[in-house]
Amino acid sequence: MATYPTTIGKRTTVRALNDRKTDISEAGGVRIVDLSAAQVYEVKVEHPLINSTDLTTLRTFWTTNKNVANTIAAGDGYSYSGFFVNEFEVDVINSTWANARVTIVGSRL
């Protein structure tokens, strides 16, 4: 398990994912199927206005840990363990500054 970099400023948005699925029974009634015993969370991480050194750090972390569970401390006071959904999305502002975003899906610790 890897720990998400803590020295780079970030904003996080945490959302509980609905692990309940709606289904129609053979009799035509609506039913809800709970697919998980535990709640799953989506943690969106945004790094606004980071320099090229920090961007390199994030990209290296992703490359090294994209297939293992990662632990991240979110702004809601909880830590989450999960997996990257995607590679970092990067908006280049200029040769010095950029914004980076990534999503991790997992469970609350």
N, C-alpha and C. Protein backbone atom coordinates (compact mmCIF):
# COMPACT_ATOMS: atom_id res chain seq x y z
N MET A 1 0.86 -1.17 0.00
CA MET A 1 0.00 0.00 0.00
C MET A 1 0.90 1.23 0.00
N ALA A 2 0.56 2.21 -0.84
CA ALA A 2 1.33 3.45 -0.95
C ALA A 2 0.55 4.60 -0.32
N THR A 3 1.27 5.56 0.22
CA THR A 3 0.64 6.74 0.80
C THR A 3 0.76 7.90 -0.18
N TYR A 4 -0.37 8.48 -0.51
CA TYR A 4 -0.42 9.59 -1.46
C TYR A 4 0.45 10.73 -0.96
N PRO A 5 1.17 11.42 -1.86
CA PRO A 5 2.05 12.52 -1.44
C PRO A 5 1.31 13.57 -0.60
N THR A 6 1.91 13.95 0.51
CA THR A 6 1.28 14.91 1.42
C THR A 6 1.90 16.29 1.37
N THR A 7 3.01 16.44 0.68
CA THR A 7 3.71 17.73 0.66
C THR A 7 3.21 18.66 -0.43
N ILE A 8 2.33 18.18 -1.29
CA ILE A 8 1.81 18.99 -2.40
C ILE A 8 0.38 19.39 -2.05
N GLY A 9 0.10 20.70 -2.10
CA GLY A 9 -1.23 21.20 -1.76
C GLY A 9 -2.31 20.55 -2.60
N LYS A 10 -3.47 20.28 -1.97
CA LYS A 10 -4.56 19.63 -2.70
C LYS A 10 -5.91 20.01 -2.12
N ARG A 11 -6.93 19.88 -2.97
CA ARG A 11 -8.33 19.97 -2.54
C ARG A 11 -8.95 18.62 -2.86
N THR A 12 -9.83 18.15 -1.98
CA THR A 12 -10.48 16.87 -2.23
C THR A 12 -11.99 17.01 -2.15
N THR A 13 -12.66 16.22 -2.96
CA THR A 13 -14.11 16.10 -2.91
C THR A 13 -14.42 14.62 -2.73
N VAL A 14 -15.18 14.31 -1.70
CA VAL A 14 -15.51 12.90 -1.40
C VAL A 14 -16.99 12.70 -1.63
N ARG A 15 -17.31 11.61 -2.33
CA ARG A 15 -18.71 11.30 -2.61
C ARG A 15 -18.92 9.81 -2.40
N ALA A 16 -19.97 9.49 -1.64
CA ALA A 16 -20.34 8.09 -1.47
C ALA A 16 -20.97 7.60 -2.77
N LEU A 17 -20.45 6.51 -3.29
CA LEU A 17 -21.02 5.94 -4.51
C LEU A 17 -22.16 5.01 -4.13
N ASN A 18 -23.17 5.03 -4.91
CA ASN A 18 -24.33 4.19 -4.66
C ASN A 18 -24.00 2.77 -5.12
N ASP A 19 -23.83 1.87 -4.18
CA ASP A 19 -23.55 0.49 -4.53
C ASP A 19 -24.82 -0.35 -4.57
N ARG A 20 -25.95 0.34 -4.57
CA ARG A 20 -27.25 -0.32 -4.70
C ARG A 20 -27.71 -0.17 -6.14
N LYS A 21 -28.13 -1.24 -6.73
CA LYS A 21 -28.57 -1.22 -8.12
C LYS A 21 -30.07 -1.49 -8.21
N THR A 22 -30.73 -0.74 -9.07
CA THR A 22 -32.16 -0.92 -9.31
C THR A 22 -32.37 -2.00 -10.36
N ASP A 23 -33.35 -2.82 -10.12
CA ASP A 23 -33.63 -3.93 -11.02
C ASP A 23 -35.14 -4.11 -11.09
N ILE A 24 -35.61 -4.70 -12.16
CA ILE A 24 -37.03 -5.02 -12.32
C ILE A 24 -37.19 -6.53 -12.17
N SER A 25 -38.04 -6.94 -11.26
CA SER A 25 -38.26 -8.38 -11.05
C SER A 25 -39.07 -8.96 -12.21
N GLU A 26 -39.13 -10.29 -12.27
CA GLU A 26 -39.90 -10.96 -13.32
C GLU A 26 -41.38 -10.61 -13.23
N ALA A 27 -41.84 -10.30 -12.03
CA ALA A 27 -43.24 -9.93 -11.83
C ALA A 27 -43.50 -8.47 -12.21
N GLY A 28 -42.42 -7.72 -12.55
CA GLY A 28 -42.60 -6.35 -12.98
C GLY A 28 -42.38 -5.30 -11.90
N GLY A 29 -42.12 -5.73 -10.68
CA GLY A 29 -41.88 -4.78 -9.58
C GLY A 29 -40.44 -4.30 -9.54
N VAL A 30 -40.26 -3.13 -9.00
CA VAL A 30 -38.91 -2.59 -8.84
C VAL A 30 -38.30 -3.16 -7.56
N ARG A 31 -37.04 -3.53 -7.65
CA ARG A 31 -36.33 -3.99 -6.46
C ARG A 31 -34.94 -3.36 -6.45
N ILE A 32 -34.38 -3.30 -5.26
CA ILE A 32 -33.05 -2.74 -5.08
C ILE A 32 -32.12 -3.87 -4.64
N VAL A 33 -31.00 -3.99 -5.30
CA VAL A 33 -30.02 -5.00 -4.96
C VAL A 33 -28.79 -4.30 -4.40
N ASP A 34 -28.40 -4.65 -3.16
CA ASP A 34 -27.22 -4.09 -2.52
C ASP A 34 -26.03 -4.96 -2.89
N LEU A 35 -25.08 -4.40 -3.63
CA LEU A 35 -23.97 -5.20 -4.15
C LEU A 35 -22.75 -5.23 -3.23
N SER A 36 -22.80 -4.51 -2.14
CA SER A 36 -21.61 -4.46 -1.28
C SER A 36 -22.02 -4.36 0.18
N ALA A 37 -21.24 -5.01 1.03
CA ALA A 37 -21.49 -4.91 2.46
C ALA A 37 -20.93 -3.61 3.03
N ALA A 38 -19.99 -2.98 2.30
CA ALA A 38 -19.37 -1.74 2.76
C ALA A 38 -19.62 -0.62 1.76
N GLN A 39 -19.58 0.61 2.24
CA GLN A 39 -19.77 1.78 1.37
C GLN A 39 -18.51 2.04 0.56
N VAL A 40 -18.67 2.39 -0.69
CA VAL A 40 -17.56 2.73 -1.57
C VAL A 40 -17.57 4.24 -1.78
N TYR A 41 -16.38 4.84 -1.81
CA TYR A 41 -16.27 6.29 -1.95
C TYR A 41 -15.42 6.66 -3.16
N GLU A 42 -15.78 7.77 -3.77
CA GLU A 42 -14.99 8.36 -4.84
C GLU A 42 -14.31 9.60 -4.26
N VAL A 43 -12.99 9.65 -4.35
CA VAL A 43 -12.23 10.79 -3.86
C VAL A 43 -11.61 11.49 -5.06
N LYS A 44 -12.13 12.68 -5.36
CA LYS A 44 -11.56 13.48 -6.45
C LYS A 44 -10.52 14.41 -5.84
N VAL A 45 -9.33 14.36 -6.39
CA VAL A 45 -8.21 15.14 -5.86
C VAL A 45 -7.81 16.17 -6.91
N GLU A 46 -7.74 17.41 -6.48
CA GLU A 46 -7.31 18.48 -7.38
C GLU A 46 -6.10 19.17 -6.78
N HIS A 47 -5.09 19.36 -7.60
CA HIS A 47 -3.88 20.08 -7.20
C HIS A 47 -3.83 21.37 -8.02
N PRO A 48 -4.31 22.49 -7.45
CA PRO A 48 -4.31 23.74 -8.21
C PRO A 48 -2.95 24.44 -8.15
N LEU A 49 -2.56 24.99 -9.27
CA LEU A 49 -1.34 25.80 -9.37
C LEU A 49 -0.12 25.12 -8.76
N ILE A 50 0.26 23.99 -9.34
CA ILE A 50 1.48 23.31 -8.90
C ILE A 50 2.59 23.58 -9.90
N ASN A 51 3.82 23.53 -9.41
CA ASN A 51 4.95 23.76 -10.30
C ASN A 51 5.36 22.46 -10.99
N SER A 52 6.31 22.55 -11.91
CA SER A 52 6.70 21.39 -12.70
C SER A 52 7.33 20.30 -11.84
N THR A 53 8.02 20.66 -10.76
CA THR A 53 8.61 19.67 -9.87
C THR A 53 7.53 18.85 -9.18
N ASP A 54 6.49 19.54 -8.67
CA ASP A 54 5.38 18.82 -8.02
C ASP A 54 4.62 17.96 -9.02
N LEU A 55 4.45 18.45 -10.24
CA LEU A 55 3.77 17.66 -11.27
C LEU A 55 4.56 16.39 -11.58
N THR A 56 5.86 16.50 -11.66
CA THR A 56 6.70 15.32 -11.89
C THR A 56 6.57 14.34 -10.73
N THR A 57 6.51 14.85 -9.49
CA THR A 57 6.34 13.99 -8.32
C THR A 57 5.03 13.22 -8.41
N LEU A 58 3.94 13.91 -8.78
CA LEU A 58 2.63 13.24 -8.88
C LEU A 58 2.63 12.20 -9.99
N ARG A 59 3.19 12.54 -11.13
CA ARG A 59 3.23 11.59 -12.25
C ARG A 59 4.07 10.37 -11.90
N THR A 60 5.18 10.56 -11.21
CA THR A 60 6.02 9.44 -10.79
C THR A 60 5.28 8.57 -9.79
N PHE A 61 4.58 9.20 -8.85
CA PHE A 61 3.80 8.44 -7.88
C PHE A 61 2.74 7.60 -8.58
N TRP A 62 2.04 8.18 -9.55
CA TRP A 62 1.01 7.45 -10.28
C TRP A 62 1.62 6.27 -11.04
N THR A 63 2.72 6.51 -11.74
CA THR A 63 3.35 5.45 -12.52
C THR A 63 3.79 4.30 -11.63
N THR A 64 4.33 4.62 -10.47
CA THR A 64 4.83 3.60 -9.54
C THR A 64 3.70 2.87 -8.84
N ASN A 65 2.58 3.56 -8.57
CA ASN A 65 1.53 3.00 -7.70
C ASN A 65 0.16 2.85 -8.35
N LYS A 66 0.08 2.89 -9.66
CA LYS A 66 -1.23 2.86 -10.32
C LYS A 66 -1.97 1.54 -10.16
N ASN A 67 -1.25 0.48 -9.84
CA ASN A 67 -1.89 -0.83 -9.72
C ASN A 67 -1.93 -1.37 -8.30
N VAL A 68 -1.67 -0.50 -7.31
CA VAL A 68 -1.71 -0.92 -5.91
C VAL A 68 -2.67 -0.01 -5.15
N ALA A 69 -3.10 -0.46 -3.98
CA ALA A 69 -3.97 0.36 -3.15
C ALA A 69 -3.18 1.56 -2.63
N ASN A 70 -3.82 2.72 -2.63
CA ASN A 70 -3.22 3.96 -2.16
C ASN A 70 -4.03 4.51 -1.01
N THR A 71 -3.36 5.07 -0.02
CA THR A 71 -4.03 5.70 1.10
C THR A 71 -3.91 7.21 0.95
N ILE A 72 -5.05 7.90 1.10
CA ILE A 72 -5.04 9.36 1.00
C ILE A 72 -5.85 9.95 2.15
N ALA A 73 -5.30 11.01 2.76
CA ALA A 73 -6.01 11.76 3.78
C ALA A 73 -6.79 12.85 3.06
N ALA A 74 -8.12 12.81 3.16
CA ALA A 74 -8.97 13.78 2.47
C ALA A 74 -9.30 14.95 3.40
N GLY A 75 -9.82 16.00 2.82
CA GLY A 75 -10.15 17.20 3.58
C GLY A 75 -11.33 17.04 4.53
N ASP A 76 -12.04 15.92 4.45
CA ASP A 76 -13.19 15.71 5.34
C ASP A 76 -12.80 15.11 6.68
N GLY A 77 -11.48 14.95 6.90
CA GLY A 77 -11.01 14.41 8.17
C GLY A 77 -10.83 12.90 8.19
N TYR A 78 -11.16 12.22 7.10
CA TYR A 78 -11.02 10.77 7.01
C TYR A 78 -9.90 10.41 6.05
N SER A 79 -9.41 9.19 6.18
CA SER A 79 -8.46 8.63 5.21
C SER A 79 -9.18 7.56 4.42
N TYR A 80 -8.75 7.38 3.18
CA TYR A 80 -9.38 6.42 2.28
C TYR A 80 -8.30 5.55 1.66
N SER A 81 -8.62 4.31 1.41
CA SER A 81 -7.73 3.40 0.72
C SER A 81 -8.42 2.95 -0.55
N GLY A 82 -7.74 3.15 -1.68
CA GLY A 82 -8.38 2.79 -2.94
C GLY A 82 -7.41 2.80 -4.10
N PHE A 83 -7.99 2.70 -5.28
CA PHE A 83 -7.22 2.59 -6.51
C PHE A 83 -7.50 3.77 -7.43
N PHE A 84 -6.50 4.14 -8.21
CA PHE A 84 -6.67 5.19 -9.20
C PHE A 84 -7.67 4.75 -10.26
N VAL A 85 -8.57 5.64 -10.63
CA VAL A 85 -9.51 5.38 -11.71
C VAL A 85 -8.90 5.79 -13.04
N ASN A 86 -8.08 6.82 -13.01
CA ASN A 86 -7.50 7.36 -14.22
C ASN A 86 -6.13 7.96 -13.93
N GLU A 87 -5.40 8.22 -14.99
CA GLU A 87 -4.13 8.93 -14.87
C GLU A 87 -4.44 10.41 -14.61
N PHE A 88 -3.47 11.15 -14.10
CA PHE A 88 -3.68 12.57 -13.83
C PHE A 88 -4.09 13.31 -15.09
N GLU A 89 -5.13 14.13 -14.96
CA GLU A 89 -5.50 15.08 -16.01
C GLU A 89 -4.75 16.36 -15.68
N VAL A 90 -4.09 16.94 -16.67
CA VAL A 90 -3.26 18.11 -16.41
C VAL A 90 -3.68 19.25 -17.33
N ASP A 91 -3.89 20.42 -16.72
CA ASP A 91 -4.11 21.66 -17.47
C ASP A 91 -2.85 22.49 -17.32
N VAL A 92 -2.12 22.65 -18.41
CA VAL A 92 -0.89 23.43 -18.37
C VAL A 92 -1.26 24.91 -18.49
N ILE A 93 -0.82 25.70 -17.52
CA ILE A 93 -1.09 27.14 -17.54
C ILE A 93 0.03 27.85 -18.30
N ASN A 94 1.26 27.52 -17.96
CA ASN A 94 2.43 28.01 -18.69
C ASN A 94 3.59 27.06 -18.38
N SER A 95 4.80 27.43 -18.70
CA SER A 95 5.93 26.52 -18.51
C SER A 95 6.25 26.28 -17.03
N THR A 96 5.68 27.06 -16.14
CA THR A 96 5.96 26.93 -14.71
C THR A 96 4.81 26.31 -13.93
N TRP A 97 3.58 26.61 -14.28
CA TRP A 97 2.41 26.24 -13.47
C TRP A 97 1.44 25.35 -14.23
N ALA A 98 0.76 24.49 -13.45
CA ALA A 98 -0.26 23.60 -14.02
C ALA A 98 -1.28 23.26 -12.93
N ASN A 99 -2.43 22.75 -13.35
CA ASN A 99 -3.43 22.16 -12.46
C ASN A 99 -3.47 20.67 -12.78
N ALA A 100 -3.62 19.84 -11.75
CA ALA A 100 -3.69 18.39 -11.98
C ALA A 100 -4.85 17.82 -11.18
N ARG A 101 -5.52 16.79 -11.77
CA ARG A 101 -6.66 16.15 -11.13
C ARG A 101 -6.56 14.64 -11.32
N VAL A 102 -7.05 13.93 -10.30
CA VAL A 102 -7.08 12.47 -10.39
C VAL A 102 -8.24 11.98 -9.50
N THR A 103 -8.73 10.77 -9.78
CA THR A 103 -9.81 10.19 -8.99
C THR A 103 -9.36 8.85 -8.43
N ILE A 104 -9.67 8.65 -7.14
CA ILE A 104 -9.39 7.37 -6.47
C ILE A 104 -10.73 6.85 -5.94
N VAL A 105 -10.96 5.56 -6.12
CA VAL A 105 -12.18 4.93 -5.61
C VAL A 105 -11.76 3.87 -4.59
N GLY A 106 -12.42 3.90 -3.42
CA GLY A 106 -12.05 2.94 -2.40
C GLY A 106 -12.94 3.02 -1.17
N SER A 107 -12.39 2.60 -0.05
CA SER A 107 -13.15 2.55 1.19
C SER A 107 -12.56 3.51 2.22
N ARG A 108 -13.40 3.90 3.17
CA ARG A 108 -12.98 4.76 4.27
C ARG A 108 -12.27 3.91 5.31
N LEU A 109 -11.16 4.41 5.79
CA LEU A 109 -10.41 3.69 6.84
C LEU A 109 -10.90 4.05 8.21
